[in-house]
Amino acid sequence: MTVDPTPPRLCLLIEDQPRTRDWMLAVLASAFPDLRIETAGTLKSAHAWLDRHGTGLWLAIVDIGLPDGSGIDIINRLQREYPDVLPVVATIYDDDAHLFEAIAAGARGYVLKDEEADLLVNYLRRIERGEPPLSPSIAHRMLSHFRAPAVVKDEAGLSPRETEVLTLLARGLTVSEAASRLGLQPQTVASYVKVIYQKLCVTSRAEATREAVRRGLA
């Protein structure tokens, strides 16, 4: 009698940027060679996928900033309807607001997409040992949050990495040059720029530069 092999574990990768999606697919394949990976690029398509396949899901890699909403909505749904699924955030946001909102929603890990691929693979492999995958800066941020009685925050809520990107832009560097200086992918820095503009309520590099000068960054 032939016994059917154990079906591969199933992962849903929710990421709207095609290049980043391909990069994350390679990271996941390296971390879990037996993984079957499905993708969704919007909140709507992710919900539709869960409607059809949610009961067989093992792992969900969730981007927070999606074109039609926040990936936190997916994490809330997974916590509510599929509590055995492991939701892990993969994002560029390294600020307290996004981090603790994700954890409160039920995220079991939080990694930053600007990590080196091999490091990210190692963080994700911690899942096999029952450990939460966390980028080191996120782990430090969590510890600092509970250790420090008070923290002086940027008035617009800029994270240290966003402040770093704003400083380089204000000094005249292009997105590609800033990416090279920081050791990041240009699309990652472009995503940071979008978030910076939103937080500062500006629409141009000139306005962003004025804000940087006002803050003493340039």
Protein backbone atom coordinates (compact mmCIF):
# COMPACT_ATOMS: atom_id res chain seq x y z
CA MET A 1 0.00 0.00 0.00
CA THR A 2 1.40 3.38 -1.02
CA VAL A 3 1.09 6.17 1.49
CA ASP A 4 0.64 9.65 0.07
CA PRO A 5 3.47 11.98 1.02
CA THR A 6 2.75 14.72 3.50
CA PRO A 7 1.48 17.76 1.59
CA PRO A 8 3.82 20.77 1.64
CA ARG A 9 3.17 23.49 4.16
CA LEU A 10 1.30 26.46 2.75
CA CYS A 11 2.33 30.13 2.99
CA LEU A 12 0.54 33.27 1.85
CA LEU A 13 2.90 36.12 0.93
CA ILE A 14 1.10 39.48 0.88
CA GLU A 15 3.28 42.05 -0.91
CA ASP A 16 2.28 44.59 -3.56
CA GLN A 17 5.72 45.49 -5.01
CA PRO A 18 6.66 42.94 -7.74
CA ARG A 19 10.44 43.17 -7.23
CA THR A 20 10.12 42.90 -3.46
CA ARG A 21 7.66 40.03 -3.88
CA ASP A 22 10.14 38.11 -6.04
CA TRP A 23 12.90 38.78 -3.51
CA MET A 24 10.73 37.57 -0.62
CA LEU A 25 9.76 34.46 -2.59
CA ALA A 26 13.45 33.59 -2.92
CA VAL A 27 14.02 34.24 0.80
CA LEU A 28 11.09 32.00 1.78
CA ALA A 29 12.16 29.24 -0.60
CA SER A 30 15.63 29.29 0.96
CA ALA A 31 14.30 29.32 4.52
CA PHE A 32 11.71 26.58 3.93
CA PRO A 33 12.52 24.47 0.84
CA ASP A 34 9.34 22.39 1.25
CA LEU A 35 7.05 25.43 1.37
CA ARG A 36 4.25 26.01 -1.10
CA ILE A 37 3.86 29.77 -1.50
CA GLU A 38 0.84 31.68 -2.76
CA THR A 39 0.86 35.46 -3.26
CA ALA A 40 -1.52 38.39 -2.98
CA GLY A 41 -0.81 42.01 -3.82
CA THR A 42 -3.75 43.77 -2.19
CA LEU A 43 -5.88 43.56 0.92
CA LYS A 44 -8.89 42.57 -1.19
CA SER A 45 -7.10 39.71 -2.95
CA ALA A 46 -5.65 38.48 0.35
CA HIS A 47 -9.11 38.32 1.92
CA ALA A 48 -10.44 36.54 -1.17
CA TRP A 49 -7.62 34.00 -0.95
CA LEU A 50 -8.36 33.35 2.72
CA ASP A 51 -12.03 32.81 1.90
CA ARG A 52 -10.98 29.92 -0.37
CA HIS A 53 -7.88 28.46 1.28
CA GLY A 54 -7.52 29.80 4.82
CA THR A 55 -8.07 26.47 6.58
CA GLY A 56 -4.90 24.98 5.03
CA LEU A 57 -2.59 27.88 5.81
CA TRP A 58 0.53 27.54 7.98
CA LEU A 59 2.38 30.85 7.57
CA ALA A 60 1.42 34.35 6.39
CA ILE A 61 4.06 36.94 5.51
CA VAL A 62 2.25 40.27 5.65
CA ASP A 63 3.28 43.68 4.37
CA ILE A 64 1.60 46.49 6.30
CA GLY A 65 1.41 49.21 3.63
CA LEU A 66 -0.86 47.82 0.91
CA PRO A 67 -2.49 49.87 -1.86
CA ASP A 68 -6.02 49.39 -0.51
CA GLY A 69 -5.42 49.31 3.24
CA SER A 70 -3.33 47.97 6.08
CA GLY A 71 -2.03 44.43 6.37
CA ILE A 72 -2.99 44.69 10.06
CA ASP A 73 -6.54 43.87 8.90
CA ILE A 74 -5.31 40.49 7.66
CA ILE A 75 -3.49 39.79 10.92
CA ASN A 76 -6.66 40.61 12.87
CA ARG A 77 -8.63 38.21 10.71
CA LEU A 78 -6.08 35.44 11.05
CA GLN A 79 -6.07 35.84 14.84
CA ARG A 80 -9.86 35.71 14.88
CA GLU A 81 -10.60 32.97 12.34
CA TYR A 82 -7.36 30.99 11.92
CA PRO A 83 -5.50 31.19 15.25
CA ASP A 84 -3.12 28.35 14.31
CA VAL A 85 -1.66 30.35 11.41
CA LEU A 86 1.62 32.16 12.04
CA PRO A 87 1.38 35.80 10.84
CA VAL A 88 4.78 37.48 10.39
CA VAL A 89 5.09 41.11 9.35
CA ALA A 90 7.67 41.94 6.66
CA THR A 91 7.84 45.70 6.23
CA ILE A 92 9.96 48.83 6.03
CA TYR A 93 8.20 50.37 9.04
CA ASP A 94 10.42 50.20 12.13
CA ASP A 95 8.50 52.65 14.34
CA ASP A 96 6.72 51.87 17.60
CA ALA A 97 3.24 52.62 16.24
CA HIS A 98 3.31 49.98 13.50
CA LEU A 99 5.27 47.48 15.58
CA PHE A 100 2.98 47.45 18.60
CA GLU A 101 -0.20 47.65 16.53
CA ALA A 102 0.94 44.53 14.66
CA ILE A 103 1.80 42.67 17.86
CA ALA A 104 -1.51 43.65 19.46
CA ALA A 105 -3.31 42.31 16.37
CA GLY A 106 -1.59 38.93 16.74
CA ALA A 107 1.64 39.07 14.72
CA ARG A 108 4.06 36.31 15.73
CA GLY A 109 7.11 38.00 14.19
CA TYR A 110 8.27 41.30 12.72
CA VAL A 111 11.13 41.57 10.22
CA LEU A 112 12.42 44.47 8.15
CA LYS A 113 12.71 44.15 4.39
CA ASP A 114 15.95 46.11 4.28
CA GLU A 115 17.83 43.23 5.94
CA GLU A 116 20.32 41.18 3.94
CA ALA A 117 18.63 38.15 2.40
CA ASP A 118 20.72 35.56 4.25
CA LEU A 119 20.01 37.26 7.59
CA LEU A 120 16.30 37.33 6.86
CA VAL A 121 16.42 33.62 6.02
CA ASN A 122 17.99 32.92 9.42
CA TYR A 123 15.38 35.02 11.24
CA LEU A 124 12.53 33.16 9.54
CA ARG A 125 14.07 29.78 10.31
CA ARG A 126 13.59 30.54 14.01
CA ILE A 127 9.94 29.64 13.44
CA GLU A 128 11.00 25.97 13.24
CA ARG A 129 12.39 26.27 16.80
CA GLY A 130 9.26 27.93 18.12
CA GLU A 131 11.00 31.32 18.32
CA PRO A 132 9.55 34.58 17.00
CA PRO A 133 11.40 35.92 13.95
CA LEU A 134 12.49 39.46 14.83
CA SER A 135 14.97 41.79 13.18
CA PRO A 136 17.57 42.86 15.78
CA SER A 137 16.55 46.52 15.64
CA ILE A 138 12.94 45.50 16.31
CA ALA A 139 13.95 43.35 19.28
CA HIS A 140 15.95 46.28 20.68
CA ARG A 141 13.01 48.63 20.11
CA MET A 142 10.72 46.31 22.06
CA LEU A 143 13.17 46.07 24.93
CA SER A 144 13.69 49.82 24.98
CA HIS A 145 9.95 50.43 25.01
CA PHE A 146 9.53 48.50 28.26
CA ARG A 147 12.83 49.60 29.81
CA ALA A 148 12.74 53.37 29.26
CA PRO A 149 10.22 55.37 31.31
CA ALA A 150 10.10 58.11 28.70
CA VAL A 151 11.38 58.48 25.18
CA VAL A 152 11.66 61.71 23.24
CA LYS A 153 9.93 61.08 19.94
CA ASP A 154 10.17 62.86 16.64
CA GLU A 155 7.23 65.28 16.39
CA ALA A 156 6.09 63.75 13.08
CA GLY A 157 6.75 60.18 14.18
CA LEU A 158 9.76 59.65 11.90
CA SER A 159 11.71 56.51 12.73
CA PRO A 160 15.53 56.67 12.97
CA ARG A 161 15.83 55.11 9.49
CA GLU A 162 13.34 57.61 8.03
CA THR A 163 15.27 60.47 9.62
CA GLU A 164 18.45 59.07 8.06
CA VAL A 165 16.85 58.94 4.60
CA LEU A 166 15.45 62.48 4.98
CA THR A 167 18.91 63.76 5.94
CA LEU A 168 20.50 62.28 2.82
CA LEU A 169 17.77 63.61 0.54
CA ALA A 170 18.13 67.07 2.07
CA ARG A 171 21.86 66.94 1.30
CA GLY A 172 21.06 66.48 -2.37
CA LEU A 173 21.49 62.71 -2.79
CA THR A 174 19.21 60.91 -5.23
CA VAL A 175 17.17 57.91 -4.12
CA SER A 176 19.72 55.60 -5.77
CA GLU A 177 22.64 57.39 -4.12
CA ALA A 178 20.93 57.28 -0.72
CA ALA A 179 20.25 53.57 -1.21
CA SER A 180 23.92 52.95 -2.00
CA ARG A 181 25.03 54.95 1.05
CA LEU A 182 22.68 53.01 3.34
CA GLY A 183 23.28 49.61 1.75
CA LEU A 184 19.60 49.29 0.77
CA GLN A 185 17.70 48.59 -2.42
CA PRO A 186 16.50 51.73 -4.28
CA GLN A 187 12.88 50.56 -4.10
CA THR A 188 13.21 50.27 -0.32
CA VAL A 189 14.45 53.86 -0.05
CA ALA A 190 11.67 54.97 -2.42
CA SER A 191 9.18 53.39 -0.02
CA TYR A 192 10.78 55.27 2.87
CA VAL A 193 10.48 58.53 0.91
CA LYS A 194 6.77 57.92 0.40
CA VAL A 195 6.27 57.36 4.12
CA ILE A 196 8.36 60.44 4.99
CA TYR A 197 6.25 62.63 2.71
CA GLN A 198 3.08 61.29 4.33
CA LYS A 199 4.32 61.87 7.87
CA LEU A 200 5.63 65.37 7.12
CA CYS A 201 2.54 66.26 5.05
CA VAL A 202 4.71 67.38 2.12
CA THR A 203 4.53 66.62 -1.58
CA SER A 204 7.97 67.52 -2.92
CA ARG A 205 11.68 67.19 -2.20
CA ALA A 206 11.90 70.97 -1.71
CA GLU A 207 9.29 70.88 1.05
CA ALA A 208 10.95 67.85 2.63
CA THR A 209 14.30 69.65 2.54
CA ARG A 210 12.81 72.67 4.30
CA GLU A 211 11.53 70.35 7.02
CA ALA A 212 14.97 68.76 7.30
CA VAL A 213 16.61 72.17 7.67
CA ARG A 214 14.07 73.18 10.31
CA ARG A 215 14.98 70.04 12.25
CA GLY A 216 18.70 70.76 11.96
CA LEU A 217 19.33 67.75 9.73
CA ALA A 218 20.82 69.67 6.82
